[in-house]
């Protein structure tokens, strides 16, 4: 790959990024959409997050885990429980990390 191809590729990606991020700010008025679509779009961030996180918790190297002795399962359950109990992001991260480290370092999972 030549230098000019790399520069053209980077510039193209920058333009595409700017257009996609500014797409909803370009129109002067709100884009009309049906209520069912507006309601569905409320769940898009949650669906995207679940699509990224769940495979990381239940899979290893592209296959489902075969044992319950996986620190990720207990760490995710602890973090979820903490979040529903206290509704705090920092505590959720800390509690999940503590359980994960305790099981991985302490028990060798």
N, C-alpha and C. Protein backbone atom coordinates (compact mmCIF):
# COMPACT_ATOMS: atom_id res chain seq x y z
N UNK A 1 0.85 -1.17 0.00
CA UNK A 1 0.00 0.00 0.00
C UNK A 1 0.90 1.23 0.00
N UNK A 2 0.57 2.14 -0.87
CA UNK A 2 1.38 3.35 -0.96
C UNK A 2 0.91 4.38 0.07
N UNK A 3 1.71 5.39 0.23
CA UNK A 3 1.39 6.46 1.17
C UNK A 3 0.10 7.17 0.77
N UNK A 4 -0.08 7.41 -0.52
CA UNK A 4 -1.28 8.12 -0.99
C UNK A 4 -2.54 7.30 -0.78
N UNK A 5 -2.45 6.00 -0.93
CA UNK A 5 -3.61 5.14 -0.65
C UNK A 5 -3.98 5.20 0.82
N UNK A 6 -2.98 5.19 1.68
CA UNK A 6 -3.23 5.28 3.12
C UNK A 6 -3.87 6.62 3.47
N UNK A 7 -3.34 7.71 2.91
CA UNK A 7 -3.90 9.04 3.18
C UNK A 7 -5.33 9.13 2.67
N UNK A 8 -5.57 8.61 1.47
CA UNK A 8 -6.93 8.62 0.90
C UNK A 8 -7.88 7.79 1.76
N UNK A 9 -7.42 6.65 2.23
CA UNK A 9 -8.25 5.80 3.09
C UNK A 9 -8.60 6.49 4.40
N UNK A 10 -7.62 7.13 5.03
CA UNK A 10 -7.86 7.84 6.30
C UNK A 10 -8.80 9.01 6.08
N UNK A 11 -8.58 9.76 5.01
CA UNK A 11 -9.46 10.90 4.71
C UNK A 11 -10.89 10.43 4.43
N UNK A 12 -11.02 9.35 3.70
CA UNK A 12 -12.36 8.81 3.41
C UNK A 12 -13.08 8.37 4.68
N UNK A 13 -12.37 7.69 5.57
CA UNK A 13 -12.98 7.26 6.82
C UNK A 13 -13.35 8.45 7.69
N UNK A 14 -12.54 9.51 7.67
CA UNK A 14 -12.85 10.72 8.44
C UNK A 14 -14.13 11.37 7.92
N UNK A 15 -14.26 11.47 6.60
CA UNK A 15 -15.48 12.07 6.02
C UNK A 15 -16.69 11.23 6.35
N UNK A 16 -16.60 9.91 6.20
CA UNK A 16 -17.74 9.04 6.51
C UNK A 16 -18.12 9.16 7.98
N UNK A 17 -17.14 9.22 8.87
CA UNK A 17 -17.42 9.36 10.30
C UNK A 17 -18.13 10.68 10.58
N UNK A 18 -17.65 11.78 10.00
CA UNK A 18 -18.27 13.08 10.24
C UNK A 18 -19.71 13.10 9.71
N UNK A 19 -19.94 12.56 8.53
CA UNK A 19 -21.29 12.58 7.96
C UNK A 19 -22.24 11.73 8.79
N UNK A 20 -21.82 10.53 9.19
CA UNK A 20 -22.73 9.68 9.96
C UNK A 20 -23.02 10.25 11.34
N UNK A 21 -22.05 10.90 11.96
CA UNK A 21 -22.29 11.48 13.28
C UNK A 21 -23.11 12.76 13.20
N UNK A 22 -23.00 13.48 12.12
CA UNK A 22 -23.72 14.74 11.97
C UNK A 22 -25.04 14.57 11.22
N UNK A 23 -25.35 13.36 10.80
CA UNK A 23 -26.53 13.12 9.97
C UNK A 23 -27.81 13.64 10.61
N UNK A 24 -27.95 13.46 11.92
CA UNK A 24 -29.18 13.87 12.59
C UNK A 24 -29.17 15.35 12.96
N UNK A 25 -28.05 16.03 12.81
CA UNK A 25 -27.99 17.45 13.11
C UNK A 25 -28.11 18.31 11.86
N UNK A 26 -28.03 17.70 10.69
CA UNK A 26 -28.08 18.46 9.44
C UNK A 26 -29.46 19.06 9.17
N UNK A 27 -30.56 18.30 9.29
CA UNK A 27 -31.87 18.88 8.97
C UNK A 27 -32.26 19.99 9.95
N UNK A 28 -33.03 20.97 9.45
CA UNK A 28 -33.49 22.06 10.31
C UNK A 28 -34.64 21.62 11.21
N UNK A 29 -35.44 20.70 10.73
CA UNK A 29 -36.57 20.22 11.54
C UNK A 29 -36.43 18.73 11.79
N UNK A 30 -37.18 18.25 12.74
CA UNK A 30 -37.12 16.85 13.12
C UNK A 30 -37.62 15.96 11.98
N UNK A 31 -36.93 14.86 11.78
CA UNK A 31 -37.32 13.92 10.72
C UNK A 31 -38.56 13.16 11.18
N UNK A 32 -39.64 13.19 10.39
CA UNK A 32 -40.84 12.46 10.82
C UNK A 32 -40.63 10.95 10.72
N UNK A 33 -41.07 10.26 11.76
CA UNK A 33 -41.01 8.80 11.75
C UNK A 33 -42.18 8.26 12.55
N UNK A 34 -42.63 7.06 12.19
CA UNK A 34 -43.77 6.49 12.92
C UNK A 34 -43.43 6.23 14.38
N UNK A 35 -44.47 6.22 15.20
CA UNK A 35 -44.28 6.00 16.64
C UNK A 35 -43.64 4.65 16.93
N UNK A 36 -44.00 3.61 16.17
CA UNK A 36 -43.45 2.28 16.42
C UNK A 36 -41.94 2.26 16.17
N UNK A 37 -41.48 3.03 15.18
CA UNK A 37 -40.05 3.09 14.91
C UNK A 37 -39.33 3.88 16.00
N UNK A 38 -39.92 4.97 16.44
CA UNK A 38 -39.33 5.77 17.51
C UNK A 38 -39.23 4.94 18.79
N UNK A 39 -40.27 4.17 19.09
CA UNK A 39 -40.24 3.30 20.28
C UNK A 39 -39.18 2.22 20.13
N UNK A 40 -39.05 1.66 18.94
CA UNK A 40 -38.05 0.62 18.71
C UNK A 40 -36.63 1.13 18.82
N UNK A 41 -36.39 2.35 18.37
CA UNK A 41 -35.05 2.92 18.43
C UNK A 41 -34.59 3.20 19.86
N UNK A 42 -35.52 3.29 20.79
CA UNK A 42 -35.14 3.47 22.19
C UNK A 42 -34.33 2.28 22.71
N UNK A 43 -34.59 1.09 22.14
CA UNK A 43 -33.94 -0.13 22.62
C UNK A 43 -32.68 -0.48 21.84
N UNK A 44 -32.33 0.29 20.82
CA UNK A 44 -31.16 -0.01 20.00
C UNK A 44 -29.85 -0.01 20.80
N UNK A 45 -29.59 0.98 21.65
CA UNK A 45 -28.33 0.93 22.41
C UNK A 45 -28.24 -0.28 23.33
N UNK A 46 -29.33 -0.65 23.98
CA UNK A 46 -29.33 -1.82 24.85
C UNK A 46 -29.09 -3.10 24.05
N UNK A 47 -29.72 -3.21 22.89
CA UNK A 47 -29.52 -4.38 22.04
C UNK A 47 -28.08 -4.48 21.55
N UNK A 48 -27.49 -3.35 21.17
CA UNK A 48 -26.10 -3.35 20.71
C UNK A 48 -25.15 -3.74 21.85
N UNK A 49 -25.40 -3.22 23.03
CA UNK A 49 -24.56 -3.56 24.18
C UNK A 49 -24.67 -5.05 24.51
N UNK A 50 -25.88 -5.58 24.49
CA UNK A 50 -26.06 -7.01 24.76
C UNK A 50 -25.38 -7.86 23.70
N UNK A 51 -25.42 -7.43 22.45
CA UNK A 51 -24.79 -8.19 21.37
C UNK A 51 -23.28 -8.23 21.51
N UNK A 52 -22.71 -7.25 22.17
CA UNK A 52 -21.26 -7.23 22.38
C UNK A 52 -20.87 -7.96 23.66
N UNK A 53 -21.62 -7.76 24.73
CA UNK A 53 -21.23 -8.26 26.05
C UNK A 53 -21.55 -9.75 26.23
N UNK A 54 -22.73 -10.19 25.84
CA UNK A 54 -23.14 -11.57 26.10
C UNK A 54 -22.18 -12.60 25.51
N UNK A 55 -21.77 -12.47 24.26
CA UNK A 55 -20.80 -13.46 23.75
C UNK A 55 -19.48 -13.48 24.53
N UNK A 56 -19.07 -12.34 25.06
CA UNK A 56 -17.84 -12.30 25.85
C UNK A 56 -17.99 -13.05 27.17
N UNK A 57 -19.21 -13.13 27.67
CA UNK A 57 -19.45 -13.80 28.95
C UNK A 57 -19.64 -15.30 28.77
N UNK A 58 -20.34 -15.73 27.74
CA UNK A 58 -20.72 -17.14 27.62
C UNK A 58 -19.92 -17.92 26.59
N UNK A 59 -18.96 -17.29 25.92
CA UNK A 59 -18.19 -18.00 24.90
C UNK A 59 -16.69 -17.86 25.12
N UNK A 60 -15.97 -18.88 24.69
CA UNK A 60 -14.51 -18.85 24.69
C UNK A 60 -14.03 -19.37 23.34
N UNK A 61 -13.27 -18.59 22.63
CA UNK A 61 -12.73 -18.94 21.32
C UNK A 61 -13.82 -19.43 20.37
N UNK A 62 -14.96 -18.74 20.38
CA UNK A 62 -16.04 -19.02 19.44
C UNK A 62 -16.95 -20.17 19.82
N UNK A 63 -16.78 -20.75 20.98
CA UNK A 63 -17.63 -21.86 21.42
C UNK A 63 -18.18 -21.55 22.80
N UNK A 64 -19.38 -22.07 23.07
CA UNK A 64 -19.97 -21.89 24.39
C UNK A 64 -19.12 -22.54 25.46
N UNK A 65 -19.07 -21.91 26.62
CA UNK A 65 -18.30 -22.50 27.71
C UNK A 65 -18.99 -23.79 28.15
N UNK A 66 -18.19 -24.74 28.61
CA UNK A 66 -18.73 -26.06 28.93
C UNK A 66 -18.81 -26.31 30.43
N UNK A 67 -18.38 -25.37 31.24
CA UNK A 67 -18.37 -25.57 32.68
C UNK A 67 -18.95 -24.35 33.38
N UNK A 68 -19.49 -24.57 34.54
CA UNK A 68 -20.00 -23.45 35.33
C UNK A 68 -18.86 -22.79 36.10
N UNK A 69 -17.67 -23.41 36.10
CA UNK A 69 -16.52 -22.86 36.80
C UNK A 69 -15.82 -21.82 35.93
N UNK A 70 -16.53 -20.79 35.59
CA UNK A 70 -15.96 -19.69 34.80
C UNK A 70 -16.20 -18.41 35.57
N UNK A 71 -15.13 -17.71 35.85
CA UNK A 71 -15.21 -16.50 36.68
C UNK A 71 -16.09 -15.44 36.03
N UNK A 72 -16.16 -15.42 34.71
CA UNK A 72 -16.96 -14.39 34.03
C UNK A 72 -18.44 -14.50 34.38
N UNK A 73 -18.94 -15.73 34.52
CA UNK A 73 -20.36 -15.91 34.87
C UNK A 73 -20.67 -15.31 36.23
N UNK A 74 -19.84 -15.61 37.21
CA UNK A 74 -20.07 -15.12 38.57
C UNK A 74 -19.83 -13.61 38.66
N UNK A 75 -18.85 -13.11 37.94
CA UNK A 75 -18.58 -11.67 37.94
C UNK A 75 -19.74 -10.91 37.31
N UNK A 76 -20.28 -11.43 36.20
CA UNK A 76 -21.42 -10.77 35.55
C UNK A 76 -22.65 -10.82 36.44
N UNK A 77 -22.88 -11.94 37.10
CA UNK A 77 -24.04 -12.05 38.00
C UNK A 77 -23.90 -11.11 39.18
N UNK A 78 -22.69 -11.02 39.75
CA UNK A 78 -22.46 -10.11 40.87
C UNK A 78 -22.64 -8.66 40.45
N UNK A 79 -22.07 -8.29 39.32
CA UNK A 79 -22.19 -6.91 38.84
C UNK A 79 -23.65 -6.56 38.54
N UNK A 80 -24.37 -7.49 37.94
CA UNK A 80 -25.79 -7.24 37.65
C UNK A 80 -26.58 -7.08 38.94
N UNK A 81 -26.32 -7.95 39.90
CA UNK A 81 -27.01 -7.84 41.19
C UNK A 81 -26.71 -6.53 41.89
N UNK A 82 -25.45 -6.12 41.87
CA UNK A 82 -25.08 -4.86 42.50
C UNK A 82 -25.78 -3.69 41.82
N UNK A 83 -25.82 -3.71 40.48
CA UNK A 83 -26.45 -2.60 39.78
C UNK A 83 -27.94 -2.49 40.13
N UNK A 84 -28.63 -3.62 40.19
CA UNK A 84 -30.05 -3.55 40.53
C UNK A 84 -30.28 -3.21 42.00
N UNK A 85 -29.29 -3.48 42.84
CA UNK A 85 -29.41 -3.15 44.26
C UNK A 85 -29.12 -1.68 44.51
N UNK A 86 -28.00 -1.16 44.00
CA UNK A 86 -27.58 0.21 44.31
C UNK A 86 -27.71 1.20 43.16
N UNK A 87 -27.82 0.74 41.93
CA UNK A 87 -27.92 1.60 40.73
C UNK A 87 -26.70 2.49 40.53
N UNK A 88 -25.53 1.98 40.90
CA UNK A 88 -24.29 2.74 40.73
C UNK A 88 -23.36 2.07 39.73
N UNK A 89 -22.85 2.84 38.79
CA UNK A 89 -21.98 2.29 37.76
C UNK A 89 -20.62 1.91 38.32
N UNK A 90 -20.01 2.79 39.11
CA UNK A 90 -18.68 2.51 39.65
C UNK A 90 -18.70 1.25 40.52
N UNK A 91 -19.68 1.13 41.39
CA UNK A 91 -19.79 -0.06 42.23
C UNK A 91 -20.03 -1.32 41.42
N UNK A 92 -20.76 -1.18 40.33
CA UNK A 92 -21.01 -2.33 39.45
C UNK A 92 -19.69 -2.83 38.86
N UNK A 93 -18.89 -1.90 38.36
CA UNK A 93 -17.61 -2.26 37.77
C UNK A 93 -16.68 -2.85 38.82
N UNK A 94 -16.61 -2.22 39.98
CA UNK A 94 -15.72 -2.69 41.04
C UNK A 94 -16.14 -4.06 41.55
N UNK A 95 -17.42 -4.27 41.79
CA UNK A 95 -17.88 -5.56 42.33
C UNK A 95 -17.62 -6.69 41.33
N UNK A 96 -17.91 -6.47 40.06
CA UNK A 96 -17.64 -7.49 39.06
C UNK A 96 -16.16 -7.79 38.94
N UNK A 97 -15.34 -6.75 38.98
CA UNK A 97 -13.89 -6.94 38.87
C UNK A 97 -13.33 -7.67 40.08
N UNK A 98 -13.81 -7.34 41.27
CA UNK A 98 -13.33 -8.01 42.48
C UNK A 98 -13.65 -9.50 42.43
N UNK A 99 -14.87 -9.83 42.05
CA UNK A 99 -15.25 -11.25 41.97
C UNK A 99 -14.43 -11.96 40.90
N UNK A 100 -14.26 -11.32 39.75
CA UNK A 100 -13.48 -11.93 38.68
C UNK A 100 -12.05 -12.20 39.12
N UNK A 101 -11.41 -11.21 39.73
CA UNK A 101 -10.04 -11.39 40.18
C UNK A 101 -9.93 -12.41 41.30
N UNK A 102 -10.87 -12.39 42.22
CA UNK A 102 -10.84 -13.35 43.32
C UNK A 102 -10.94 -14.78 42.80
N UNK A 103 -11.81 -15.02 41.86
CA UNK A 103 -11.98 -16.37 41.34
C UNK A 103 -10.81 -16.79 40.44
N UNK A 104 -10.31 -15.86 39.66
CA UNK A 104 -9.20 -16.20 38.75
C UNK A 104 -7.89 -16.38 39.51
N UNK A 105 -7.59 -15.46 40.43
CA UNK A 105 -6.33 -15.54 41.16
C UNK A 105 -6.45 -16.52 42.33
N UNK A 106 -7.55 -16.40 43.08
CA UNK A 106 -7.72 -17.24 44.28
C UNK A 106 -7.97 -18.70 43.97
N UNK A 107 -8.86 -19.01 43.03
CA UNK A 107 -9.21 -20.39 42.74
C UNK A 107 -8.62 -20.90 41.42
N UNK A 108 -8.03 -20.02 40.65
CA UNK A 108 -7.43 -20.44 39.40
C UNK A 108 -8.40 -20.73 38.28
N UNK A 109 -9.59 -20.17 38.36
CA UNK A 109 -10.58 -20.39 37.30
C UNK A 109 -10.16 -19.60 36.12
